[in-house]
């Protein structure tokens, strides 16, 4: 269930679901998703479903990771990405294959420690992990070509928009009971918002734990 053949089937399913960026598909096929979840759930690692990773968090379903990664990969420059909500590091690992540097923030300290060790073991060294409240981003390191949020805010996170580089993208779920994936693209001082599809994420919470 964790073989290259299994990952190849995942890629074909993602392609059938509408993911067309071959670079993203190749990355999804190369990264061993089973390494990011508990061994007891490894038989479900390549199913198109979210799975628990402890601390009340989940690893997103492969389609959503691929969808958000494809949107991220569409920016003209891929120098720096900011991820809010590191989780188990699966989305981080995908972004790290697409961007020169990934800054990623996680509010749950225990989860971050596990993820730091995992990414190091997998040879992913261009991700900069930080234990912090990600709701305000990292203004001191901005601007970012992409800001990607992996938890749902109740409203559009306006404080992050100014941290986008020109022609950058903010990709995020928004909503409480009903959630929607959205994207804001910056063009100078103009911002274009797109509403994309219904999604289901854990909520974006403030503070540290």
Protein backbone atom coordinates (compact mmCIF):
# COMPACT_ATOMS: atom_id res chain seq x y z
CA UNK A 1 0.00 0.00 0.00
CA UNK A 2 3.00 2.33 0.22
CA UNK A 3 4.72 1.41 -3.04
CA UNK A 4 5.59 3.55 -6.05
CA UNK A 5 2.78 1.77 -7.90
CA UNK A 6 0.28 2.91 -5.27
CA UNK A 7 1.51 6.49 -5.61
CA UNK A 8 1.21 6.23 -9.39
CA UNK A 9 -2.45 5.29 -8.96
CA UNK A 10 -2.87 8.35 -6.74
CA UNK A 11 -1.44 10.55 -9.51
CA UNK A 12 -3.81 9.08 -12.10
CA UNK A 13 -6.76 9.72 -9.79
CA UNK A 14 -5.66 13.32 -9.25
CA UNK A 15 -5.37 13.77 -13.00
CA UNK A 16 -8.89 12.40 -13.43
CA UNK A 17 -10.09 14.87 -10.76
CA UNK A 18 -8.81 17.78 -12.85
CA UNK A 19 -5.26 18.38 -11.60
CA UNK A 20 -3.33 19.17 -14.78
CA UNK A 21 0.00 20.68 -13.67
CA UNK A 22 2.49 17.89 -14.43
CA UNK A 23 5.10 19.29 -12.04
CA UNK A 24 2.61 19.16 -9.17
CA UNK A 25 1.52 15.65 -10.17
CA UNK A 26 5.14 14.48 -10.24
CA UNK A 27 5.74 15.94 -6.78
CA UNK A 28 2.59 14.30 -5.42
CA UNK A 29 3.75 11.01 -6.86
CA UNK A 30 7.22 11.32 -5.37
CA UNK A 31 6.34 12.24 -1.78
CA UNK A 32 5.52 9.25 0.47
CA UNK A 33 2.27 10.32 2.15
CA UNK A 34 2.39 7.29 4.46
CA UNK A 35 5.42 8.86 6.19
CA UNK A 36 3.21 11.71 7.42
CA UNK A 37 0.61 9.65 9.30
CA UNK A 38 0.51 7.07 12.06
CA UNK A 39 1.67 3.62 10.98
CA UNK A 40 -1.72 2.18 12.00
CA UNK A 41 -3.37 4.29 9.27
CA UNK A 42 -0.76 3.67 6.56
CA UNK A 43 -3.14 1.40 4.63
CA UNK A 44 -5.29 4.51 4.06
CA UNK A 45 -2.40 6.81 3.16
CA UNK A 46 -3.23 7.04 -0.54
CA UNK A 47 -7.00 7.14 -0.24
CA UNK A 48 -8.56 10.47 -1.17
CA UNK A 49 -9.50 11.33 2.37
CA UNK A 50 -8.29 13.42 5.28
CA UNK A 51 -6.89 11.51 8.26
CA UNK A 52 -6.23 12.34 11.92
CA UNK A 53 -2.66 13.24 12.88
CA UNK A 54 -3.19 13.89 16.59
CA UNK A 55 -3.61 17.14 18.55
CA UNK A 56 -7.10 17.53 17.02
CA UNK A 57 -5.60 18.10 13.56
CA UNK A 58 -5.84 16.30 10.22
CA UNK A 59 -3.80 15.74 7.09
CA UNK A 60 -5.76 17.09 4.13
CA UNK A 61 -7.00 14.78 1.40
CA UNK A 62 -4.54 14.46 -1.51
CA UNK A 63 -6.87 16.23 -3.95
CA UNK A 64 -7.01 19.38 -1.80
CA UNK A 65 -3.22 19.39 -1.33
CA UNK A 66 -2.78 19.02 -5.09
CA UNK A 67 -5.40 21.67 -5.86
CA UNK A 68 -3.88 24.26 -3.53
CA UNK A 69 -0.37 23.38 -4.73
CA UNK A 70 -1.41 23.79 -8.35
CA UNK A 71 -2.80 27.24 -7.58
CA UNK A 72 0.42 28.10 -5.73
CA UNK A 73 2.59 26.91 -8.60
CA UNK A 74 0.82 29.31 -10.97
CA UNK A 75 2.64 32.40 -9.71
CA UNK A 76 5.33 33.90 -12.00
CA UNK A 77 8.07 33.71 -9.34
CA UNK A 78 8.57 30.93 -6.80
CA UNK A 79 11.10 32.39 -4.44
CA UNK A 80 9.24 32.39 -1.13
CA UNK A 81 6.05 30.80 0.17
CA UNK A 82 4.38 31.19 3.55
CA UNK A 83 2.27 28.33 4.89
CA UNK A 84 0.03 28.90 7.89
CA UNK A 85 -0.72 25.61 9.58
CA UNK A 86 2.23 23.23 9.19
CA UNK A 87 0.40 20.23 10.60
CA UNK A 88 2.22 16.98 9.83
CA UNK A 89 4.21 18.68 7.06
CA UNK A 90 2.73 16.98 3.99
CA UNK A 91 1.61 20.21 2.31
CA UNK A 92 4.91 21.75 3.45
CA UNK A 93 6.84 19.00 1.68
CA UNK A 94 4.94 19.57 -1.56
CA UNK A 95 5.52 23.33 -1.43
CA UNK A 96 9.21 22.76 -0.66
CA UNK A 97 9.56 20.96 -4.00
CA UNK A 98 7.96 23.90 -5.82
CA UNK A 99 9.46 26.95 -4.06
CA UNK A 100 13.01 28.00 -3.22
CA UNK A 101 12.08 28.63 0.44
CA UNK A 102 8.98 27.77 2.46
CA UNK A 103 8.28 29.51 5.76
CA UNK A 104 5.70 27.58 7.73
CA UNK A 105 3.98 28.36 11.03
CA UNK A 106 2.35 25.91 13.46
CA UNK A 107 0.65 26.86 16.73
CA UNK A 108 0.81 23.34 18.29
CA UNK A 109 4.31 22.80 19.67
CA UNK A 110 4.14 19.01 19.99
CA UNK A 111 2.97 18.65 16.41
CA UNK A 112 5.73 20.94 15.15
CA UNK A 113 8.46 18.98 16.91
CA UNK A 114 7.34 15.77 15.24
CA UNK A 115 7.12 17.47 11.85
CA UNK A 116 10.54 19.06 12.12
CA UNK A 117 12.08 15.63 12.72
CA UNK A 118 10.07 14.08 9.87
CA UNK A 119 11.02 16.67 7.27
CA UNK A 120 14.68 16.38 8.25
CA UNK A 121 14.51 12.60 7.89
CA UNK A 122 13.01 13.00 4.42
CA UNK A 123 15.78 15.40 3.35
CA UNK A 124 13.59 18.49 3.09
CA UNK A 125 15.87 21.32 4.18
CA UNK A 126 14.39 24.44 2.55
CA UNK A 127 11.41 24.65 4.92
CA UNK A 128 11.75 27.08 7.83
CA UNK A 129 9.48 25.96 10.67
CA UNK A 130 8.26 28.30 13.37
CA UNK A 131 6.14 27.77 16.51
CA UNK A 132 3.85 30.80 16.50
CA UNK A 133 0.32 32.10 16.01
CA UNK A 134 0.09 32.23 12.24
CA UNK A 135 -2.98 34.42 12.00
CA UNK A 136 -0.82 37.54 11.50
CA UNK A 137 1.64 35.94 9.08
CA UNK A 138 5.33 36.92 9.08
CA UNK A 139 5.41 40.57 8.14
CA UNK A 140 9.14 40.87 8.83
CA UNK A 141 9.91 38.30 6.11
CA UNK A 142 7.37 39.50 3.56
CA UNK A 143 6.59 39.87 0.74
CA UNK A 144 5.75 36.29 -0.24
CA UNK A 145 4.96 34.99 -3.69
CA UNK A 146 2.35 32.70 -2.15
CA UNK A 147 0.59 32.58 1.21
CA UNK A 148 -1.28 29.33 1.75
CA UNK A 149 -3.52 28.73 4.76
CA UNK A 150 -4.41 25.16 5.72
CA UNK A 151 -7.14 25.97 8.27
CA UNK A 152 -10.40 27.84 7.78
CA UNK A 153 -10.74 31.41 9.02
CA UNK A 154 -14.26 32.72 9.70
CA UNK A 155 -13.59 35.78 7.53
CA UNK A 156 -11.12 36.79 4.81
CA UNK A 157 -7.70 37.27 6.53
CA UNK A 158 -7.18 40.90 5.52
CA UNK A 159 -4.00 41.26 7.62
CA UNK A 160 -2.17 38.85 5.28
CA UNK A 161 -2.98 40.56 2.00
CA UNK A 162 -0.33 43.25 2.45
CA UNK A 163 2.30 40.50 2.85
CA UNK A 164 1.81 39.37 -0.76
CA UNK A 165 4.38 40.21 -3.42
CA UNK A 166 3.14 41.78 -6.64
CA UNK A 167 1.41 39.08 -8.70
CA UNK A 168 1.40 36.89 -5.59
CA UNK A 169 -1.46 34.68 -4.45
CA UNK A 170 -3.20 34.17 -1.11
CA UNK A 171 -4.90 30.75 -1.14
CA UNK A 172 -7.19 29.97 1.79
CA UNK A 173 -10.39 28.32 3.01
CA UNK A 174 -12.91 30.63 4.63
CA UNK A 175 -16.13 30.03 6.54
CA UNK A 176 -17.41 28.22 9.60
CA UNK A 177 -20.22 25.71 8.97
CA UNK A 178 -19.89 26.04 5.20
CA UNK A 179 -16.39 26.61 3.89
CA UNK A 180 -15.13 27.77 0.53
CA UNK A 181 -11.68 27.75 -1.04
CA UNK A 182 -10.74 31.20 -2.29
CA UNK A 183 -7.77 32.90 -3.91
CA UNK A 184 -6.73 36.56 -3.84
CA UNK A 185 -4.22 37.70 -6.47
CA UNK A 186 -2.28 40.92 -6.10
CA UNK A 187 -1.67 43.21 -9.08
CA UNK A 188 0.09 46.28 -7.72
CA UNK A 189 -2.46 47.87 -5.40
CA UNK A 190 -5.35 45.95 -6.96
CA UNK A 191 -6.60 42.62 -5.61
CA UNK A 192 -8.68 40.06 -7.49
CA UNK A 193 -10.62 37.52 -5.43
CA UNK A 194 -11.80 34.19 -6.87
CA UNK A 195 -14.25 31.80 -5.23
CA UNK A 196 -13.26 28.27 -6.17
CA UNK A 197 -15.01 25.32 -4.49
CA UNK A 198 -16.52 23.94 -1.30
CA UNK A 199 -13.99 22.51 1.18
CA UNK A 200 -13.78 21.19 4.73
CA UNK A 201 -10.85 22.22 6.96
CA UNK A 202 -10.19 22.39 10.69
CA UNK A 203 -10.72 25.93 12.04
CA UNK A 204 -7.92 28.50 12.19
CA UNK A 205 -7.34 29.08 15.91
CA UNK A 206 -5.43 31.88 17.67
CA UNK A 207 -2.72 31.51 20.28
CA UNK A 208 -0.21 28.74 21.02
CA UNK A 209 -0.45 25.28 22.50
